[in-house]
N, C-alpha and C. Protein backbone atom coordinates (compact mmCIF):
# COMPACT_ATOMS: atom_id res chain seq x y z
N MET A 1 20.28 0.36 4.87
CA MET A 1 19.10 0.57 4.04
C MET A 1 18.81 2.06 4.03
N ARG A 2 18.67 2.61 2.81
CA ARG A 2 18.38 4.03 2.67
C ARG A 2 17.70 4.27 1.32
N HIS A 3 17.23 5.48 1.14
CA HIS A 3 16.65 5.87 -0.14
C HIS A 3 17.76 6.29 -1.10
N PRO A 4 17.49 6.19 -2.41
CA PRO A 4 18.48 6.70 -3.36
C PRO A 4 18.50 8.22 -3.35
N GLN A 5 19.61 8.78 -3.75
CA GLN A 5 19.66 10.22 -3.96
C GLN A 5 18.82 10.53 -5.19
N LEU A 6 17.93 11.50 -5.08
CA LEU A 6 17.00 11.80 -6.16
C LEU A 6 17.32 13.14 -6.80
N PRO A 7 17.07 13.28 -8.10
CA PRO A 7 16.63 12.24 -9.01
C PRO A 7 17.73 11.21 -9.23
N SER A 8 17.33 10.03 -9.64
CA SER A 8 18.26 8.94 -9.89
C SER A 8 17.95 8.36 -11.26
N GLU A 9 18.98 8.07 -12.03
CA GLU A 9 18.78 7.52 -13.37
C GLU A 9 19.45 6.17 -13.51
N GLY A 10 19.01 5.44 -14.50
CA GLY A 10 19.58 4.14 -14.81
C GLY A 10 19.14 3.71 -16.19
N GLY A 11 19.55 2.52 -16.58
CA GLY A 11 19.18 2.05 -17.90
C GLY A 11 19.48 0.59 -18.09
N CYS A 12 19.12 0.13 -19.28
CA CYS A 12 19.29 -1.28 -19.64
C CYS A 12 20.76 -1.57 -19.95
N ARG A 13 21.04 -2.81 -20.22
CA ARG A 13 22.41 -3.24 -20.48
C ARG A 13 23.04 -2.55 -21.69
N CYS A 14 22.27 -2.37 -22.76
CA CYS A 14 22.84 -1.77 -23.97
C CYS A 14 22.75 -0.25 -23.99
N GLY A 15 21.97 0.34 -23.09
CA GLY A 15 21.85 1.79 -23.02
C GLY A 15 20.75 2.38 -23.89
N ALA A 16 20.00 1.56 -24.61
CA ALA A 16 18.94 2.07 -25.48
C ALA A 16 17.78 2.67 -24.69
N VAL A 17 17.52 2.15 -23.49
CA VAL A 17 16.44 2.67 -22.65
C VAL A 17 17.05 3.24 -21.37
N ARG A 18 16.63 4.45 -21.05
CA ARG A 18 17.06 5.12 -19.82
C ARG A 18 15.82 5.46 -19.00
N LEU A 19 15.95 5.32 -17.68
CA LEU A 19 14.86 5.54 -16.74
C LEU A 19 15.28 6.58 -15.71
N ARG A 20 14.29 7.25 -15.12
CA ARG A 20 14.57 8.20 -14.04
C ARG A 20 13.51 8.05 -12.96
N ILE A 21 13.94 8.11 -11.71
CA ILE A 21 12.99 8.19 -10.60
C ILE A 21 13.23 9.52 -9.88
N THR A 22 12.11 10.14 -9.50
CA THR A 22 12.16 11.39 -8.76
C THR A 22 11.43 11.26 -7.43
N ALA A 23 10.94 10.07 -7.13
CA ALA A 23 10.27 9.77 -5.87
C ALA A 23 10.94 8.55 -5.25
N ALA A 24 11.06 8.57 -3.95
CA ALA A 24 11.69 7.46 -3.24
C ALA A 24 10.81 6.21 -3.28
N PRO A 25 11.43 5.03 -3.31
CA PRO A 25 10.65 3.79 -3.24
C PRO A 25 9.84 3.72 -1.94
N ILE A 26 8.69 3.06 -2.02
CA ILE A 26 7.88 2.86 -0.82
C ILE A 26 8.11 1.47 -0.24
N ALA A 27 8.81 0.61 -0.98
CA ALA A 27 9.19 -0.73 -0.50
C ALA A 27 10.23 -1.30 -1.47
N THR A 28 11.03 -2.20 -0.95
CA THR A 28 11.99 -2.93 -1.78
C THR A 28 11.82 -4.42 -1.49
N MET A 29 12.08 -5.24 -2.50
CA MET A 29 11.80 -6.66 -2.30
C MET A 29 12.61 -7.55 -3.22
N ALA A 30 12.63 -8.81 -2.87
CA ALA A 30 13.15 -9.89 -3.71
C ALA A 30 12.02 -10.90 -3.84
N CYS A 31 11.82 -11.39 -5.06
CA CYS A 31 10.78 -12.40 -5.28
C CYS A 31 11.43 -13.70 -5.74
N HIS A 32 11.11 -14.79 -5.04
CA HIS A 32 11.67 -16.11 -5.32
C HIS A 32 10.78 -16.98 -6.19
N CYS A 33 9.69 -16.44 -6.73
CA CYS A 33 8.78 -17.30 -7.49
C CYS A 33 9.44 -17.84 -8.75
N LYS A 34 8.92 -18.96 -9.23
CA LYS A 34 9.48 -19.61 -10.44
C LYS A 34 9.44 -18.67 -11.64
N GLY A 35 8.39 -17.85 -11.75
CA GLY A 35 8.30 -16.90 -12.86
C GLY A 35 9.44 -15.90 -12.84
N CYS A 36 9.73 -15.35 -11.67
CA CYS A 36 10.85 -14.40 -11.56
C CYS A 36 12.18 -15.09 -11.78
N GLN A 37 12.31 -16.32 -11.30
CA GLN A 37 13.55 -17.07 -11.56
C GLN A 37 13.76 -17.22 -13.06
N ARG A 38 12.70 -17.49 -13.78
CA ARG A 38 12.83 -17.67 -15.24
C ARG A 38 13.03 -16.34 -15.96
N MET A 39 12.37 -15.28 -15.50
CA MET A 39 12.54 -13.96 -16.13
C MET A 39 13.97 -13.45 -15.97
N THR A 40 14.60 -13.77 -14.83
CA THR A 40 15.94 -13.25 -14.56
C THR A 40 17.04 -14.26 -14.87
N SER A 41 16.67 -15.52 -15.10
CA SER A 41 17.67 -16.59 -15.22
C SER A 41 18.56 -16.61 -13.99
N SER A 42 17.94 -16.39 -12.84
CA SER A 42 18.67 -16.31 -11.58
C SER A 42 17.79 -16.85 -10.45
N ALA A 43 18.24 -16.68 -9.22
CA ALA A 43 17.54 -17.23 -8.07
C ALA A 43 16.31 -16.43 -7.68
N TYR A 44 16.27 -15.13 -8.00
CA TYR A 44 15.16 -14.27 -7.63
C TYR A 44 15.25 -12.97 -8.42
N SER A 45 14.17 -12.21 -8.39
CA SER A 45 14.18 -10.86 -8.98
C SER A 45 14.23 -9.84 -7.85
N LEU A 46 14.78 -8.69 -8.14
CA LEU A 46 14.81 -7.58 -7.20
C LEU A 46 13.92 -6.47 -7.70
N SER A 47 13.23 -5.80 -6.78
CA SER A 47 12.31 -4.72 -7.15
C SER A 47 12.39 -3.58 -6.16
N ALA A 48 12.13 -2.39 -6.67
CA ALA A 48 11.89 -1.21 -5.85
C ALA A 48 10.54 -0.67 -6.29
N MET A 49 9.58 -0.65 -5.38
CA MET A 49 8.23 -0.18 -5.68
C MET A 49 8.23 1.35 -5.58
N VAL A 50 7.99 2.01 -6.71
CA VAL A 50 8.09 3.46 -6.82
C VAL A 50 6.74 4.05 -7.21
N PRO A 51 6.36 5.19 -6.62
CA PRO A 51 5.13 5.85 -7.09
C PRO A 51 5.25 6.17 -8.58
N ALA A 52 4.19 5.87 -9.34
CA ALA A 52 4.23 6.06 -10.79
C ALA A 52 4.50 7.50 -11.19
N ASP A 53 4.03 8.46 -10.39
CA ASP A 53 4.27 9.86 -10.75
C ASP A 53 5.72 10.28 -10.48
N GLY A 54 6.52 9.39 -9.90
CA GLY A 54 7.94 9.65 -9.68
C GLY A 54 8.83 8.77 -10.55
N PHE A 55 8.27 8.23 -11.63
CA PHE A 55 8.98 7.33 -12.53
C PHE A 55 8.76 7.78 -13.97
N GLU A 56 9.83 7.74 -14.77
CA GLU A 56 9.65 8.05 -16.19
C GLU A 56 10.72 7.36 -17.03
N VAL A 57 10.33 7.04 -18.24
CA VAL A 57 11.26 6.55 -19.25
C VAL A 57 11.73 7.80 -19.96
N VAL A 58 13.04 8.08 -19.92
CA VAL A 58 13.56 9.31 -20.51
C VAL A 58 14.22 9.08 -21.86
N GLN A 59 14.44 7.82 -22.21
CA GLN A 59 15.02 7.50 -23.52
C GLN A 59 14.58 6.11 -23.92
N GLY A 60 14.23 5.93 -25.18
CA GLY A 60 13.86 4.62 -25.71
C GLY A 60 12.39 4.31 -25.51
N GLU A 61 11.99 3.17 -26.05
CA GLU A 61 10.60 2.73 -26.01
C GLU A 61 10.55 1.28 -25.53
N PRO A 62 10.34 1.04 -24.21
CA PRO A 62 10.23 -0.34 -23.73
C PRO A 62 9.08 -1.08 -24.41
N VAL A 63 9.22 -2.39 -24.50
CA VAL A 63 8.17 -3.25 -25.06
C VAL A 63 7.71 -4.22 -23.98
N ARG A 64 6.47 -4.67 -24.13
CA ARG A 64 5.93 -5.64 -23.17
C ARG A 64 6.53 -7.01 -23.45
N GLY A 65 6.95 -7.69 -22.39
CA GLY A 65 7.53 -9.02 -22.52
C GLY A 65 6.98 -9.94 -21.44
N GLY A 66 7.72 -10.99 -21.14
CA GLY A 66 7.24 -11.95 -20.15
C GLY A 66 6.06 -12.72 -20.68
N LEU A 67 5.06 -12.95 -19.84
CA LEU A 67 3.90 -13.74 -20.23
C LEU A 67 2.99 -13.05 -21.22
N LYS A 68 2.94 -11.74 -21.20
CA LYS A 68 2.07 -10.95 -22.08
C LYS A 68 0.61 -11.33 -21.95
N GLN A 69 0.20 -11.72 -20.77
CA GLN A 69 -1.20 -12.04 -20.52
C GLN A 69 -1.54 -11.71 -19.09
N GLY A 70 -2.78 -11.58 -18.81
CA GLY A 70 -3.21 -11.27 -17.45
C GLY A 70 -2.93 -9.82 -17.10
N GLY A 71 -3.01 -9.52 -15.84
CA GLY A 71 -2.91 -8.14 -15.36
C GLY A 71 -1.52 -7.67 -15.02
N ILE A 72 -0.50 -8.48 -15.25
CA ILE A 72 0.87 -8.08 -14.97
C ILE A 72 1.55 -7.75 -16.29
N HIS A 73 2.19 -6.58 -16.34
CA HIS A 73 2.83 -6.12 -17.57
C HIS A 73 4.32 -5.89 -17.31
N HIS A 74 5.14 -6.77 -17.85
CA HIS A 74 6.59 -6.65 -17.74
C HIS A 74 7.09 -5.87 -18.95
N PHE A 75 7.97 -4.91 -18.72
CA PHE A 75 8.52 -4.11 -19.82
C PHE A 75 10.01 -4.35 -19.94
N LEU A 76 10.45 -4.55 -21.19
CA LEU A 76 11.83 -4.89 -21.51
C LEU A 76 12.39 -3.93 -22.55
N CYS A 77 13.72 -3.89 -22.63
CA CYS A 77 14.38 -3.15 -23.70
C CYS A 77 14.15 -3.92 -24.99
N PRO A 78 13.74 -3.25 -26.08
CA PRO A 78 13.51 -3.96 -27.33
C PRO A 78 14.81 -4.43 -28.00
N ASP A 79 15.95 -3.86 -27.60
CA ASP A 79 17.22 -4.21 -28.22
C ASP A 79 17.96 -5.33 -27.48
N CYS A 80 18.17 -5.17 -26.17
CA CYS A 80 18.95 -6.17 -25.43
C CYS A 80 18.10 -7.12 -24.60
N GLY A 81 16.81 -6.82 -24.44
CA GLY A 81 15.91 -7.71 -23.70
C GLY A 81 15.96 -7.57 -22.19
N THR A 82 16.67 -6.57 -21.67
CA THR A 82 16.74 -6.37 -20.23
C THR A 82 15.35 -6.10 -19.67
N TRP A 83 15.01 -6.80 -18.56
CA TRP A 83 13.74 -6.58 -17.86
C TRP A 83 13.89 -5.29 -17.08
N LEU A 84 13.08 -4.28 -17.38
CA LEU A 84 13.21 -2.94 -16.83
C LEU A 84 12.29 -2.65 -15.65
N PHE A 85 11.00 -2.90 -15.84
CA PHE A 85 10.02 -2.59 -14.81
C PHE A 85 8.74 -3.37 -15.06
N THR A 86 7.85 -3.35 -14.06
CA THR A 86 6.57 -4.06 -14.13
C THR A 86 5.47 -3.12 -13.66
N ARG A 87 4.33 -3.21 -14.33
CA ARG A 87 3.11 -2.50 -13.91
C ARG A 87 1.99 -3.52 -13.81
N TRP A 88 0.96 -3.21 -12.97
CA TRP A 88 -0.18 -4.12 -12.79
C TRP A 88 -1.47 -3.39 -13.06
N ASP A 89 -2.41 -4.10 -13.67
CA ASP A 89 -3.75 -3.56 -13.84
C ASP A 89 -4.33 -3.27 -12.46
N GLY A 90 -4.97 -2.12 -12.31
CA GLY A 90 -5.61 -1.77 -11.04
C GLY A 90 -4.67 -1.14 -10.04
N MET A 91 -3.38 -1.09 -10.34
CA MET A 91 -2.39 -0.46 -9.44
C MET A 91 -1.59 0.56 -10.25
N ASP A 92 -2.32 1.43 -10.92
CA ASP A 92 -1.71 2.39 -11.83
C ASP A 92 -0.80 3.40 -11.14
N ASP A 93 -0.90 3.51 -9.83
CA ASP A 93 -0.10 4.50 -9.10
C ASP A 93 1.27 3.96 -8.69
N LEU A 94 1.60 2.70 -9.07
CA LEU A 94 2.89 2.10 -8.68
C LEU A 94 3.61 1.47 -9.87
N VAL A 95 4.93 1.47 -9.79
CA VAL A 95 5.78 0.81 -10.77
C VAL A 95 6.81 0.00 -9.99
N ASN A 96 7.04 -1.24 -10.39
CA ASN A 96 8.10 -2.05 -9.79
C ASN A 96 9.33 -1.97 -10.70
N LEU A 97 10.28 -1.20 -10.28
CA LEU A 97 11.51 -0.96 -11.02
C LEU A 97 12.54 -2.02 -10.66
N ARG A 98 13.33 -2.47 -11.62
CA ARG A 98 14.47 -3.35 -11.33
C ARG A 98 15.60 -2.44 -10.84
N PRO A 99 15.89 -2.42 -9.56
CA PRO A 99 16.82 -1.44 -8.99
C PRO A 99 18.27 -1.60 -9.42
N THR A 100 18.65 -2.78 -9.87
CA THR A 100 20.03 -2.98 -10.30
C THR A 100 20.32 -2.27 -11.62
N LEU A 101 19.30 -1.70 -12.25
CA LEU A 101 19.49 -0.92 -13.47
C LEU A 101 19.93 0.51 -13.17
N MET A 102 19.76 0.94 -11.93
CA MET A 102 20.11 2.32 -11.60
C MET A 102 21.63 2.49 -11.64
N ASP A 103 22.06 3.68 -12.04
CA ASP A 103 23.50 3.96 -12.13
C ASP A 103 24.15 3.82 -10.75
N ASP A 104 23.45 4.26 -9.71
CA ASP A 104 23.93 4.11 -8.33
C ASP A 104 23.04 3.09 -7.64
N THR A 105 23.61 1.96 -7.26
CA THR A 105 22.85 0.91 -6.57
C THR A 105 23.24 0.77 -5.10
N THR A 106 24.08 1.65 -4.61
CA THR A 106 24.59 1.52 -3.24
C THR A 106 23.50 1.64 -2.18
N TRP A 107 22.38 2.23 -2.52
CA TRP A 107 21.28 2.43 -1.58
C TRP A 107 20.39 1.19 -1.43
N TYR A 108 20.45 0.28 -2.39
CA TYR A 108 19.44 -0.78 -2.47
C TYR A 108 19.74 -1.98 -1.56
N ALA A 109 18.69 -2.43 -0.89
CA ALA A 109 18.67 -3.71 -0.17
C ALA A 109 17.22 -4.16 -0.13
N PRO A 110 16.94 -5.45 -0.35
CA PRO A 110 15.54 -5.89 -0.27
C PRO A 110 15.05 -5.90 1.18
N PHE A 111 13.91 -5.26 1.41
CA PHE A 111 13.31 -5.23 2.74
C PHE A 111 12.47 -6.47 3.00
N MET A 112 11.78 -6.92 1.97
CA MET A 112 10.97 -8.14 2.13
C MET A 112 11.28 -9.09 0.98
N GLU A 113 10.99 -10.35 1.22
CA GLU A 113 11.11 -11.36 0.17
C GLU A 113 9.80 -12.12 0.10
N THR A 114 9.41 -12.44 -1.15
CA THR A 114 8.15 -13.12 -1.39
C THR A 114 8.40 -14.47 -2.06
N TYR A 115 7.42 -15.31 -1.98
CA TYR A 115 7.44 -16.66 -2.55
C TYR A 115 8.61 -17.50 -2.03
N ASN A 116 8.80 -17.44 -0.71
CA ASN A 116 9.81 -18.33 -0.10
C ASN A 116 9.46 -19.79 -0.30
N SER A 117 8.20 -20.07 -0.60
CA SER A 117 7.78 -21.45 -0.86
C SER A 117 8.44 -22.00 -2.12
N GLU A 118 8.96 -21.13 -3.00
CA GLU A 118 9.62 -21.56 -4.23
C GLU A 118 11.10 -21.19 -4.24
N LYS A 119 11.59 -20.77 -3.11
CA LYS A 119 12.97 -20.30 -2.97
C LYS A 119 13.97 -21.44 -3.18
N LEU A 120 15.03 -21.14 -3.92
CA LEU A 120 16.12 -22.10 -4.06
C LEU A 120 16.86 -22.20 -2.73
N VAL A 121 17.31 -23.37 -2.37
CA VAL A 121 17.85 -23.60 -1.02
C VAL A 121 19.05 -22.72 -0.68
N PHE A 122 19.82 -22.28 -1.65
CA PHE A 122 21.01 -21.49 -1.38
C PHE A 122 20.76 -19.98 -1.39
N ALA A 123 19.58 -19.55 -1.83
CA ALA A 123 19.32 -18.13 -2.08
C ALA A 123 19.02 -17.38 -0.79
N GLU A 124 19.87 -16.47 -0.43
CA GLU A 124 19.69 -15.63 0.76
C GLU A 124 19.71 -14.17 0.32
N THR A 125 18.81 -13.38 0.88
CA THR A 125 18.71 -11.97 0.49
C THR A 125 19.00 -10.99 1.62
N GLY A 126 18.91 -11.43 2.87
CA GLY A 126 19.05 -10.51 3.99
C GLY A 126 17.80 -9.70 4.26
N ALA A 127 16.69 -10.02 3.61
CA ALA A 127 15.44 -9.28 3.78
C ALA A 127 14.95 -9.41 5.23
N ARG A 128 14.31 -8.37 5.72
CA ARG A 128 13.82 -8.34 7.10
C ARG A 128 12.46 -9.00 7.27
N MET A 129 11.67 -9.07 6.19
CA MET A 129 10.36 -9.71 6.25
C MET A 129 10.30 -10.76 5.15
N SER A 130 9.67 -11.90 5.44
CA SER A 130 9.57 -12.99 4.48
C SER A 130 8.15 -13.53 4.44
N PHE A 131 7.72 -13.93 3.23
CA PHE A 131 6.38 -14.45 3.02
C PHE A 131 6.46 -15.68 2.14
N ASP A 132 5.63 -16.70 2.45
CA ASP A 132 5.61 -17.93 1.66
C ASP A 132 5.11 -17.70 0.24
N THR A 133 4.17 -16.75 0.07
CA THR A 133 3.68 -16.38 -1.26
C THR A 133 3.79 -14.86 -1.34
N PHE A 134 2.81 -14.20 -1.96
CA PHE A 134 2.79 -12.74 -1.97
C PHE A 134 1.92 -12.30 -0.81
N PRO A 135 2.31 -11.28 -0.07
CA PRO A 135 1.50 -10.87 1.07
C PRO A 135 0.10 -10.47 0.67
N ASP A 136 -0.84 -10.72 1.55
CA ASP A 136 -2.22 -10.31 1.34
C ASP A 136 -2.29 -8.79 1.32
N GLU A 137 -3.20 -8.27 0.53
CA GLU A 137 -3.36 -6.82 0.41
C GLU A 137 -3.55 -6.16 1.78
N SER A 138 -4.20 -6.85 2.70
CA SER A 138 -4.43 -6.29 4.05
C SER A 138 -3.13 -6.12 4.83
N GLU A 139 -2.07 -6.81 4.45
CA GLU A 139 -0.79 -6.71 5.15
C GLU A 139 0.06 -5.53 4.68
N PHE A 140 -0.28 -4.96 3.53
CA PHE A 140 0.57 -3.93 2.96
C PHE A 140 0.71 -2.66 3.80
N PRO A 141 -0.33 -2.16 4.44
CA PRO A 141 -0.10 -0.98 5.30
C PRO A 141 0.97 -1.23 6.35
N HIS A 142 0.94 -2.39 6.99
CA HIS A 142 1.97 -2.73 7.99
C HIS A 142 3.36 -2.84 7.35
N ILE A 143 3.45 -3.48 6.19
CA ILE A 143 4.73 -3.64 5.50
C ILE A 143 5.31 -2.28 5.13
N LEU A 144 4.47 -1.41 4.56
CA LEU A 144 4.95 -0.09 4.15
C LEU A 144 5.37 0.76 5.34
N GLN A 145 4.65 0.65 6.45
CA GLN A 145 5.03 1.36 7.67
C GLN A 145 6.35 0.84 8.20
N ALA A 146 6.54 -0.47 8.19
CA ALA A 146 7.79 -1.06 8.68
C ALA A 146 8.96 -0.65 7.78
N TYR A 147 8.74 -0.60 6.47
CA TYR A 147 9.80 -0.15 5.56
C TYR A 147 10.17 1.30 5.83
N ALA A 148 9.17 2.16 5.97
CA ALA A 148 9.42 3.58 6.25
C ALA A 148 10.18 3.75 7.56
N ALA A 149 9.83 2.96 8.58
CA ALA A 149 10.53 3.03 9.87
C ALA A 149 11.99 2.57 9.72
N ALA A 150 12.22 1.52 8.93
CA ALA A 150 13.59 1.04 8.72
C ALA A 150 14.43 2.08 8.01
N ILE A 151 13.86 2.76 7.03
CA ILE A 151 14.58 3.82 6.31
C ILE A 151 14.89 4.97 7.27
N ALA A 152 13.91 5.36 8.07
CA ALA A 152 14.07 6.49 8.99
C ALA A 152 15.14 6.22 10.05
N SER A 153 15.27 4.97 10.44
CA SER A 153 16.23 4.64 11.51
C SER A 153 17.63 4.35 10.99
N ALA A 154 17.79 4.30 9.68
CA ALA A 154 19.10 3.98 9.09
C ALA A 154 20.06 5.15 9.17
């Protein structure tokens, strides 16, 4: 487990949208919820939580997709439909990037997994922390400290 070499770039499947991060993720995760299973057509979604001031779209214009309601905003490529990143109302300082879009993915591993209560029986991630749903906001300082310690010791 390590941070990506920065700056790091990536993009959607068709190449119409390109992204860049200039700040290291503060956490990495896999989500097993039914919504993520449906968004990815897979067993779980992968995320790297990045400070918003260290994230930018450098090419293309993502569009909002997914549920298009509530405080969660999923952004997709308008051409190929690739799920690119997620933002939340009230958490403007963070972006959840889909890390498998990065040109170099060798650094990525999920540190925590969420919604194990909806996990498919065969799905294993190797995550160090697991939660039945999404962790309570009060748990995040501990989670972020544990992630930083894991990165530092790698």
